[in-house]
Amino acid sequence: MPTLFYAFKSIILLSSLVFLSACGFHLKHNDGLVEKYPKIVLQSAPNTDLTRLIKLRLRGAGITIVETPSDDIAILKVNAERRTSRTISLYVTAQNAEQELGYNLSYSIQSPGYEPQNFNVNLYRDFLDDSEQALAKSRESELLTKELRVIAADHIINTMLSLDNKNSALIDEKKL
């Protein structure tokens, strides 16, 4: 009886592994980013929240951040971020009822042997603008900006994954 149980258990385990591999399941952080970009030069404004988030994402992926560029190292250049705000709707008293917070960022990625490619991230969020709660309004705006920075940092990493470079061609050859 116990051998039948272990045989059934191993068949279930084996079939679930085959199913997971057949559907394209990959473990998290096994995305090939470190193989594409083992080292990178990050050119951005020092000591900003966005730079800190990008460095955190790059180091979490196992990428070494270097200070001096060379011919075989990719360059990620993050330009200044811009935050905008506009009124979407008004109360009857002509005060702001709802605002749209915009977050714009431009950056470029230069893979070794390629020309720099420029990208833009434009993110927008709506929030209610209650003039009686000015402190809460500014805090909500601050939290939304932080959230948009996190999304922008993730977007940069996802863009790096989608780009082709000489290292990605070597990775594809190894898979075949």
Protein backbone atom coordinates (compact mmCIF):
# COMPACT_ATOMS: atom_id res chain seq x y z
CA MET A 1 0.00 0.00 0.00
CA PRO A 2 2.73 2.57 0.86
CA THR A 3 4.55 1.83 -2.43
CA LEU A 4 1.36 2.47 -4.36
CA PHE A 5 0.97 5.80 -2.54
CA TYR A 6 4.56 6.84 -3.36
CA ALA A 7 4.15 5.76 -6.98
CA PHE A 8 0.94 7.81 -7.28
CA LYS A 9 2.61 10.77 -5.57
CA SER A 10 5.60 10.66 -7.92
CA ILE A 11 3.33 10.40 -10.99
CA ILE A 12 1.39 13.47 -9.85
CA LEU A 13 4.62 15.37 -9.18
CA LEU A 14 6.12 14.41 -12.53
CA SER A 15 2.96 15.30 -14.45
CA SER A 16 2.72 18.69 -12.72
CA LEU A 17 6.36 19.45 -13.59
CA VAL A 18 5.76 18.51 -17.23
CA PHE A 19 2.63 20.67 -17.30
CA LEU A 20 4.44 23.67 -15.80
CA SER A 21 7.36 23.41 -18.20
CA ALA A 22 5.00 22.96 -21.16
CA CYS A 23 3.08 26.15 -20.40
CA GLY A 24 6.26 28.26 -20.30
CA PHE A 25 6.45 28.73 -16.55
CA HIS A 26 9.76 30.23 -15.39
CA LEU A 27 10.97 30.92 -11.91
CA LYS A 28 11.02 34.55 -10.88
CA HIS A 29 14.32 36.42 -11.40
CA ASN A 30 15.33 33.91 -14.07
CA ASP A 31 14.57 36.33 -16.89
CA GLY A 32 17.97 36.55 -18.59
CA LEU A 33 18.60 40.20 -17.73
CA VAL A 34 21.97 39.54 -16.09
CA GLU A 35 23.05 37.51 -19.13
CA LYS A 36 22.15 40.41 -21.45
CA TYR A 37 23.64 43.12 -19.22
CA PRO A 38 26.24 41.70 -16.81
CA LYS A 39 27.53 45.24 -16.23
CA ILE A 40 25.90 48.58 -16.86
CA VAL A 41 26.72 52.26 -16.48
CA LEU A 42 23.86 54.22 -14.92
CA GLN A 43 23.89 57.92 -15.80
CA SER A 44 21.23 59.78 -13.84
CA ALA A 45 20.81 62.46 -11.23
CA PRO A 46 22.51 61.23 -8.06
CA ASN A 47 20.60 60.71 -4.80
CA THR A 48 17.10 60.79 -6.25
CA ASP A 49 14.32 58.35 -5.44
CA LEU A 50 14.14 57.20 -9.05
CA THR A 51 17.89 56.50 -9.22
CA ARG A 52 17.68 54.56 -5.98
CA LEU A 53 14.79 52.47 -7.30
CA ILE A 54 16.57 51.71 -10.57
CA LYS A 55 19.77 50.72 -8.76
CA LEU A 56 17.73 48.48 -6.48
CA ARG A 57 16.11 46.74 -9.47
CA LEU A 58 19.43 46.34 -11.30
CA ARG A 59 21.24 44.94 -8.28
CA GLY A 60 18.31 42.65 -7.53
CA ALA A 61 18.67 41.21 -11.03
CA GLY A 62 22.38 40.57 -10.37
CA ILE A 63 23.72 43.35 -12.61
CA THR A 64 26.93 45.11 -11.59
CA ILE A 65 26.69 48.91 -11.79
CA VAL A 66 30.00 50.46 -12.86
CA GLU A 67 31.04 54.11 -12.98
CA THR A 68 33.27 54.27 -16.07
CA PRO A 69 31.89 53.38 -19.50
CA SER A 70 33.71 51.11 -21.93
CA ASP A 71 32.97 49.57 -25.33
CA ASP A 72 31.54 46.32 -23.95
CA ILE A 73 29.29 47.79 -21.23
CA ALA A 74 25.73 49.03 -21.79
CA ILE A 75 24.76 52.57 -20.76
CA LEU A 76 21.43 53.47 -19.19
CA LYS A 77 20.91 57.24 -19.21
CA VAL A 78 17.93 58.51 -17.23
CA ASN A 79 16.93 62.07 -18.00
CA ALA A 80 15.05 64.36 -15.64
CA GLU A 81 11.61 63.32 -14.51
CA ARG A 82 8.72 65.74 -14.84
CA ARG A 83 5.54 65.89 -12.82
CA THR A 84 2.46 67.72 -14.06
CA SER A 85 -0.96 68.38 -12.65
CA ARG A 86 -4.16 69.46 -14.35
CA THR A 87 -7.78 69.93 -13.35
CA ILE A 88 -10.22 67.34 -14.63
CA SER A 89 -13.47 68.47 -13.01
CA LEU A 90 -14.79 71.33 -10.88
CA TYR A 91 -17.27 71.68 -8.06
CA VAL A 92 -20.27 73.98 -8.47
CA THR A 93 -18.27 76.61 -6.57
CA ALA A 94 -15.55 76.49 -9.28
CA GLN A 95 -13.05 74.75 -7.02
CA ASN A 96 -11.01 71.76 -8.16
CA ALA A 97 -12.94 68.52 -7.64
CA GLU A 98 -10.62 66.09 -9.38
CA GLN A 99 -7.05 66.39 -10.60
CA GLU A 100 -4.86 64.34 -12.89
CA LEU A 101 -1.27 63.78 -11.83
CA GLY A 102 1.11 63.21 -14.73
CA TYR A 103 4.57 61.68 -14.51
CA ASN A 104 6.85 61.87 -17.53
CA LEU A 105 10.30 60.38 -17.86
CA SER A 106 12.66 59.99 -20.78
CA TYR A 107 15.61 57.62 -20.85
CA SER A 108 17.96 55.96 -23.31
CA ILE A 109 19.66 52.59 -23.42
CA GLN A 110 22.81 52.02 -25.42
CA SER A 111 23.74 48.37 -25.76
CA PRO A 112 27.35 47.56 -26.71
CA GLY A 113 27.76 47.84 -30.47
CA TYR A 114 24.40 49.58 -30.99
CA GLU A 115 23.20 53.17 -31.24
CA PRO A 116 21.37 54.62 -28.21
CA GLN A 117 17.63 54.02 -28.21
CA ASN A 118 15.41 56.68 -26.65
CA PHE A 119 12.25 55.86 -24.71
CA ASN A 120 9.54 57.79 -22.88
CA VAL A 121 7.34 56.81 -19.96
CA ASN A 122 4.11 58.76 -19.54
CA LEU A 123 1.96 57.78 -16.59
CA TYR A 124 -1.23 59.42 -15.32
CA ARG A 125 -3.34 59.00 -12.18
CA ASP A 126 -6.54 60.75 -11.08
CA PHE A 127 -7.30 61.76 -7.52
CA LEU A 128 -9.97 63.77 -5.72
CA ASP A 129 -8.97 67.27 -4.70
CA ASP A 130 -10.77 68.20 -1.48
CA SER A 131 -9.82 71.77 -0.53
CA GLU A 132 -10.90 71.19 3.09
CA GLN A 133 -8.26 68.49 3.53
CA ALA A 134 -5.16 70.19 2.13
CA LEU A 135 -2.70 68.04 4.10
CA ALA A 136 -4.35 64.81 2.96
CA LYS A 137 -4.38 66.07 -0.62
CA SER A 138 -0.64 66.78 -0.64
CA ARG A 139 0.09 63.43 1.04
CA GLU A 140 -2.00 61.57 -1.54
CA SER A 141 -0.20 63.40 -4.34
CA GLU A 142 3.14 62.45 -2.79
CA LEU A 143 2.14 58.77 -2.50
CA LEU A 144 0.90 58.70 -6.09
CA THR A 145 4.21 60.15 -7.30
CA LYS A 146 6.12 57.45 -5.40
CA GLU A 147 3.90 54.79 -6.95
CA LEU A 148 4.51 56.23 -10.43
CA ARG A 149 8.29 56.20 -9.84
CA VAL A 150 8.14 52.50 -8.95
CA ILE A 151 6.14 51.79 -12.11
CA ALA A 152 8.63 53.81 -14.19
CA ALA A 153 11.61 51.90 -12.72
CA ASP A 154 9.89 48.59 -13.51
CA HIS A 155 9.15 49.84 -17.02
CA ILE A 156 12.85 50.60 -17.61
CA ILE A 157 13.82 47.07 -16.52
CA ASN A 158 11.12 45.54 -18.76
CA THR A 159 12.37 47.61 -21.70
CA MET A 160 15.91 46.37 -21.09
CA LEU A 161 14.60 42.79 -21.20
CA SER A 162 12.90 43.35 -24.54
CA LEU A 163 15.92 44.87 -26.30
CA ASP A 164 18.29 42.83 -28.41
CA ASN A 165 22.02 43.12 -27.96
CA LYS A 166 25.07 41.02 -28.75
CA ASN A 167 24.76 39.11 -25.47
CA SER A 168 21.12 38.17 -26.22
CA ALA A 169 22.25 36.61 -29.53
CA LEU A 170 24.75 34.48 -27.58
CA ILE A 171 22.02 33.46 -25.12
CA ASP A 172 19.76 32.37 -28.01
CA GLU A 173 22.58 30.27 -29.48
CA LYS A 174 23.12 28.52 -26.13
CA LYS A 175 19.40 27.64 -25.91
CA LEU A 176 19.48 25.92 -29.30
